[in-house]
């Protein structure tokens, strides 16, 4: 049996998807879903969120000292205009708790240092700061759904290239169709017909999305060795593409 190619752990996939996700909703029993304009999964394993002041989540957190059960659903969209743009869904289940007034400024400042989201400026005006204390996490994508324990989530970090992934994929798709075509040579013959786009990239490999007549398919191309810096990542992509000028094409 061939060895399994290295890939991000489930916990790392959750971390990366949460970092990419711009859309999130909070669900509480008996209440309509609440939009969550700001969400940040901290290293300690809880999620700092901002929700509209009038939402059921604010009332539940204030009324239930031990917290209210809730699920935060986050959607990771591809940075390209694909037919099916959703790359992954993450469900974070736990307990919603209020943040004491005396601690809110300190917590907002701490979050802003790592996640300077403009929505943080609305906290205390149109939105309220809450914490979701996690007890489980699930990520789902085209490969299926997997759960991860909170202890593993605390130890994990997003992929090191998470912050630059969107720009890389957009550049590769828009300006290097020749490279994408070379990468497509690794696809099974049955998947080589259709529109092919780069869907995701991390330190372990690159995933292609194939939009075919019979539906969409995702296919992962692992690197020979994990990339530990930007130069290594660029070299790994060019090697997969069979580029004869491994020291050229610096913009890929």
Protein backbone atom coordinates (compact mmCIF):
# COMPACT_ATOMS: atom_id res chain seq x y z
CA UNK A 1 0.00 0.00 0.00
CA UNK A 2 1.36 3.41 -0.99
CA UNK A 3 2.06 5.78 1.92
CA UNK A 4 -0.47 8.54 2.52
CA UNK A 5 0.75 11.94 1.35
CA UNK A 6 1.17 14.49 4.16
CA UNK A 7 -1.77 16.84 4.51
CA UNK A 8 -3.07 19.41 7.00
CA UNK A 9 -4.53 17.93 10.17
CA UNK A 10 -8.26 18.27 10.78
CA UNK A 11 -7.56 20.85 13.48
CA UNK A 12 -5.39 22.86 11.10
CA UNK A 13 -8.10 22.70 8.42
CA UNK A 14 -10.62 24.08 10.92
CA UNK A 15 -8.23 26.88 11.89
CA UNK A 16 -7.55 27.81 8.25
CA UNK A 17 -11.21 27.69 7.23
CA UNK A 18 -12.17 29.90 10.17
CA UNK A 19 -9.47 32.39 9.21
CA UNK A 20 -10.77 32.51 5.62
CA UNK A 21 -14.49 32.56 6.41
CA UNK A 22 -16.17 35.90 5.86
CA UNK A 23 -19.70 34.59 6.37
CA UNK A 24 -20.88 33.21 9.72
CA UNK A 25 -24.21 32.67 11.47
CA UNK A 26 -25.04 31.72 15.04
CA UNK A 27 -27.85 29.28 15.80
CA UNK A 28 -29.56 28.96 19.18
CA UNK A 29 -32.45 26.61 20.03
CA UNK A 30 -35.81 28.23 19.22
CA UNK A 31 -34.32 31.36 17.66
CA UNK A 32 -33.72 32.60 14.13
CA UNK A 33 -30.11 32.39 12.91
CA UNK A 34 -28.08 35.45 13.88
CA UNK A 35 -25.53 37.00 11.48
CA UNK A 36 -22.06 37.26 13.01
CA UNK A 37 -20.07 40.08 11.39
CA UNK A 38 -16.98 39.47 13.55
CA UNK A 39 -15.64 36.07 14.63
CA UNK A 40 -12.19 35.12 15.84
CA UNK A 41 -11.11 31.67 16.99
CA UNK A 42 -8.52 32.31 19.69
CA UNK A 43 -5.57 30.07 20.47
CA UNK A 44 -7.13 29.22 23.83
CA UNK A 45 -9.96 27.51 21.96
CA UNK A 46 -12.89 29.87 22.43
CA UNK A 47 -14.42 32.14 19.78
CA UNK A 48 -14.88 35.86 20.27
CA UNK A 49 -17.90 37.04 18.29
CA UNK A 50 -19.83 40.25 17.73
CA UNK A 51 -23.59 40.02 17.18
CA UNK A 52 -26.33 42.65 16.71
CA UNK A 53 -27.45 44.18 20.00
CA UNK A 54 -31.06 43.01 19.57
CA UNK A 55 -30.23 39.39 18.79
CA UNK A 56 -31.48 36.43 20.79
CA UNK A 57 -27.87 35.48 21.52
CA UNK A 58 -27.32 38.63 23.59
CA UNK A 59 -30.45 38.00 25.64
CA UNK A 60 -29.60 34.31 26.17
CA UNK A 61 -26.03 35.05 27.25
CA UNK A 62 -27.20 37.62 29.80
CA UNK A 63 -30.03 35.54 31.20
CA UNK A 64 -28.24 32.20 31.52
CA UNK A 65 -25.27 32.46 33.85
CA UNK A 66 -23.82 29.11 32.74
CA UNK A 67 -24.22 30.09 29.09
CA UNK A 68 -26.64 29.15 26.34
CA UNK A 69 -26.03 26.25 23.89
CA UNK A 70 -25.23 27.49 20.39
CA UNK A 71 -23.63 26.51 17.08
CA UNK A 72 -21.55 28.87 14.97
CA UNK A 73 -21.55 27.97 11.27
CA UNK A 74 -18.74 29.45 9.16
CA UNK A 75 -18.49 29.32 5.37
CA UNK A 76 -15.16 29.32 3.57
CA UNK A 77 -15.63 30.62 0.02
CA UNK A 78 -13.10 30.25 -2.76
CA UNK A 79 -11.54 33.57 -3.82
CA UNK A 80 -12.44 32.84 -7.46
CA UNK A 81 -15.82 33.15 -9.27
CA UNK A 82 -16.54 29.42 -9.33
CA UNK A 83 -19.84 27.72 -10.13
CA UNK A 84 -19.93 26.37 -6.57
CA UNK A 85 -17.91 28.82 -4.48
CA UNK A 86 -18.14 27.09 -1.09
CA UNK A 87 -14.90 25.26 -0.25
CA UNK A 88 -15.69 24.21 3.31
CA UNK A 89 -18.16 24.56 6.15
CA UNK A 90 -17.20 24.59 9.82
CA UNK A 91 -19.55 24.05 12.75
CA UNK A 92 -18.32 25.16 16.17
CA UNK A 93 -20.58 23.98 18.98
CA UNK A 94 -20.46 25.26 22.53
CA UNK A 95 -21.90 27.69 25.05
CA UNK A 96 -22.51 31.41 24.52
CA UNK A 97 -21.37 33.57 27.40
CA UNK A 98 -21.50 37.30 28.03
CA UNK A 99 -18.31 39.30 28.46
CA UNK A 100 -18.32 41.49 31.61
CA UNK A 101 -18.30 45.20 30.80
CA UNK A 102 -15.00 45.71 32.64
CA UNK A 103 -13.31 43.07 30.45
CA UNK A 104 -14.68 44.07 27.04
CA UNK A 105 -12.15 46.78 26.18
CA UNK A 106 -9.23 44.51 27.13
CA UNK A 107 -10.60 41.63 25.06
CA UNK A 108 -11.34 43.82 22.03
CA UNK A 109 -7.82 45.24 22.17
CA UNK A 110 -6.30 41.75 22.37
CA UNK A 111 -8.35 40.54 19.39
CA UNK A 112 -7.54 43.66 17.34
CA UNK A 113 -3.81 43.03 17.73
CA UNK A 114 -4.16 39.69 15.94
CA UNK A 115 -7.32 40.28 13.89
CA UNK A 116 -7.81 43.99 13.05
CA UNK A 117 -11.33 43.64 11.66
CA UNK A 118 -13.18 46.95 11.05
CA UNK A 119 -16.29 45.46 12.66
CA UNK A 120 -14.56 45.64 16.03
CA UNK A 121 -15.25 49.39 15.98
CA UNK A 122 -19.00 48.69 16.12
CA UNK A 123 -18.80 46.77 19.40
CA UNK A 124 -20.54 48.76 22.11
CA UNK A 125 -22.57 50.66 19.52
CA UNK A 126 -24.54 48.40 17.18
CA UNK A 127 -23.05 45.06 18.22
CA UNK A 128 -22.31 43.20 21.45
CA UNK A 129 -19.23 41.18 22.27
CA UNK A 130 -19.78 37.55 23.31
CA UNK A 131 -17.69 34.40 23.75
CA UNK A 132 -18.47 30.93 22.42
CA UNK A 133 -16.79 28.39 24.70
CA UNK A 134 -16.29 25.33 22.50
CA UNK A 135 -16.95 21.69 23.18
CA UNK A 136 -16.74 20.35 19.60
CA UNK A 137 -15.80 21.29 16.04
CA UNK A 138 -16.62 19.75 12.65
CA UNK A 139 -15.30 20.66 9.19
CA UNK A 140 -16.87 19.48 5.93
CA UNK A 141 -15.65 19.78 2.35
CA UNK A 142 -15.73 17.75 -0.83
CA UNK A 143 -13.74 14.98 0.89
CA UNK A 144 -16.33 14.52 3.63
CA UNK A 145 -16.86 15.65 7.23
CA UNK A 146 -14.48 15.23 10.16
CA UNK A 147 -14.65 16.22 13.80
CA UNK A 148 -11.81 17.43 16.00
CA UNK A 149 -11.49 17.67 19.75
CA UNK A 150 -11.03 21.07 21.36
CA UNK A 151 -7.66 20.08 22.84
CA UNK A 152 -6.28 19.44 19.34
CA UNK A 153 -7.79 22.70 18.14
CA UNK A 154 -5.95 24.61 20.86
CA UNK A 155 -2.63 23.15 19.72
CA UNK A 156 -3.21 23.85 16.01
CA UNK A 157 -2.55 26.98 13.97
CA UNK A 158 -3.75 28.00 10.49
CA UNK A 159 -1.64 27.01 7.52
CA UNK A 160 1.37 29.36 7.37
CA UNK A 161 0.36 30.53 3.88
CA UNK A 162 -3.27 31.12 4.85
CA UNK A 163 -3.02 34.90 4.66
CA UNK A 164 -1.60 34.97 1.14
CA UNK A 165 -3.60 32.09 -0.34
CA UNK A 166 -6.36 34.18 -1.93
CA UNK A 167 -3.93 36.46 -3.77
CA UNK A 168 -1.89 33.49 -4.99
CA UNK A 169 -4.92 31.62 -6.33
CA UNK A 170 -6.30 34.71 -8.07
CA UNK A 171 -2.92 35.41 -9.67
CA UNK A 172 -2.44 31.81 -10.76
CA UNK A 173 -5.93 31.61 -12.24
CA UNK A 174 -5.86 34.98 -14.02
CA UNK A 175 -2.27 35.20 -15.22
CA UNK A 176 -0.87 31.68 -15.45
CA UNK A 177 -3.34 29.54 -17.34
CA UNK A 178 -0.37 27.72 -18.84
CA UNK A 179 0.76 26.59 -15.40
CA UNK A 180 -2.77 25.46 -14.49
CA UNK A 181 -2.87 23.47 -17.75
CA UNK A 182 0.42 21.80 -16.84
CA UNK A 183 -0.90 20.97 -13.36
CA UNK A 184 -3.98 19.45 -14.96
CA UNK A 185 -1.80 16.78 -16.56
CA UNK A 186 -1.79 15.06 -13.15
CA UNK A 187 -5.57 14.62 -13.24
CA UNK A 188 -7.18 11.28 -14.12
CA UNK A 189 -8.22 11.23 -17.79
CA UNK A 190 -11.90 11.35 -16.89
CA UNK A 191 -11.42 14.71 -15.12
CA UNK A 192 -9.43 16.52 -17.78
CA UNK A 193 -12.52 17.74 -19.61
CA UNK A 194 -14.04 20.90 -18.22
CA UNK A 195 -12.96 24.20 -16.73
CA UNK A 196 -10.05 23.78 -14.32
CA UNK A 197 -9.19 26.29 -11.60
CA UNK A 198 -6.83 26.31 -8.61
CA UNK A 199 -9.08 25.91 -5.57
CA UNK A 200 -6.76 25.82 -2.57
CA UNK A 201 -3.09 25.78 -1.64
CA UNK A 202 -1.28 25.00 1.59
CA UNK A 203 2.19 23.91 2.63
CA UNK A 204 1.43 20.29 1.73
CA UNK A 205 -0.14 20.62 -1.71
CA UNK A 206 -2.51 22.24 -4.17
CA UNK A 207 -6.14 21.42 -4.96
CA UNK A 208 -7.76 21.87 -8.37
CA UNK A 209 -11.47 22.36 -9.01
CA UNK A 210 -12.80 20.78 -12.18
CA UNK A 211 -16.13 22.16 -13.41
CA UNK A 212 -17.44 19.49 -15.76
CA UNK A 213 -20.69 18.77 -17.55
CA UNK A 214 -21.61 16.10 -15.02
CA UNK A 215 -20.71 18.16 -11.96
CA UNK A 216 -17.80 19.58 -10.03
CA UNK A 217 -14.83 17.62 -8.70
CA UNK A 218 -11.90 18.55 -6.48
CA UNK A 219 -8.54 16.85 -6.90
CA UNK A 220 -5.55 17.31 -4.61
CA UNK A 221 -1.96 17.36 -5.86
CA UNK A 222 0.50 16.78 -2.99
CA UNK A 223 3.94 18.36 -2.97
CA UNK A 224 6.99 16.10 -2.80
CA UNK A 225 7.93 17.77 0.50
CA UNK A 226 6.07 20.34 2.63
CA UNK A 227 6.94 23.97 1.87
CA UNK A 228 8.36 25.94 4.77
CA UNK A 229 8.60 29.39 3.16
CA UNK A 230 7.30 31.34 0.16
CA UNK A 231 10.24 30.40 -2.06
CA UNK A 232 9.73 26.71 -1.30
CA UNK A 233 6.00 27.01 -1.99
CA UNK A 234 6.65 28.66 -5.37
CA UNK A 235 9.22 26.01 -6.24
CA UNK A 236 6.82 23.21 -5.27
CA UNK A 237 4.11 24.54 -7.59
CA UNK A 238 6.54 24.93 -10.48
CA UNK A 239 7.88 21.43 -9.90
CA UNK A 240 4.36 19.98 -10.02
CA UNK A 241 3.79 21.88 -13.25
CA UNK A 242 6.99 20.43 -14.73
CA UNK A 243 8.45 23.89 -15.29
CA UNK A 244 11.98 23.56 -16.75
CA UNK A 245 12.97 26.95 -15.31
CA UNK A 246 12.70 26.31 -11.59
CA UNK A 247 14.50 29.53 -10.77
CA UNK A 248 12.23 31.62 -12.98
CA UNK A 249 8.61 32.66 -12.70
CA UNK A 250 9.18 34.29 -9.33
CA UNK A 251 5.65 35.65 -9.32
CA UNK A 252 4.15 32.13 -9.06
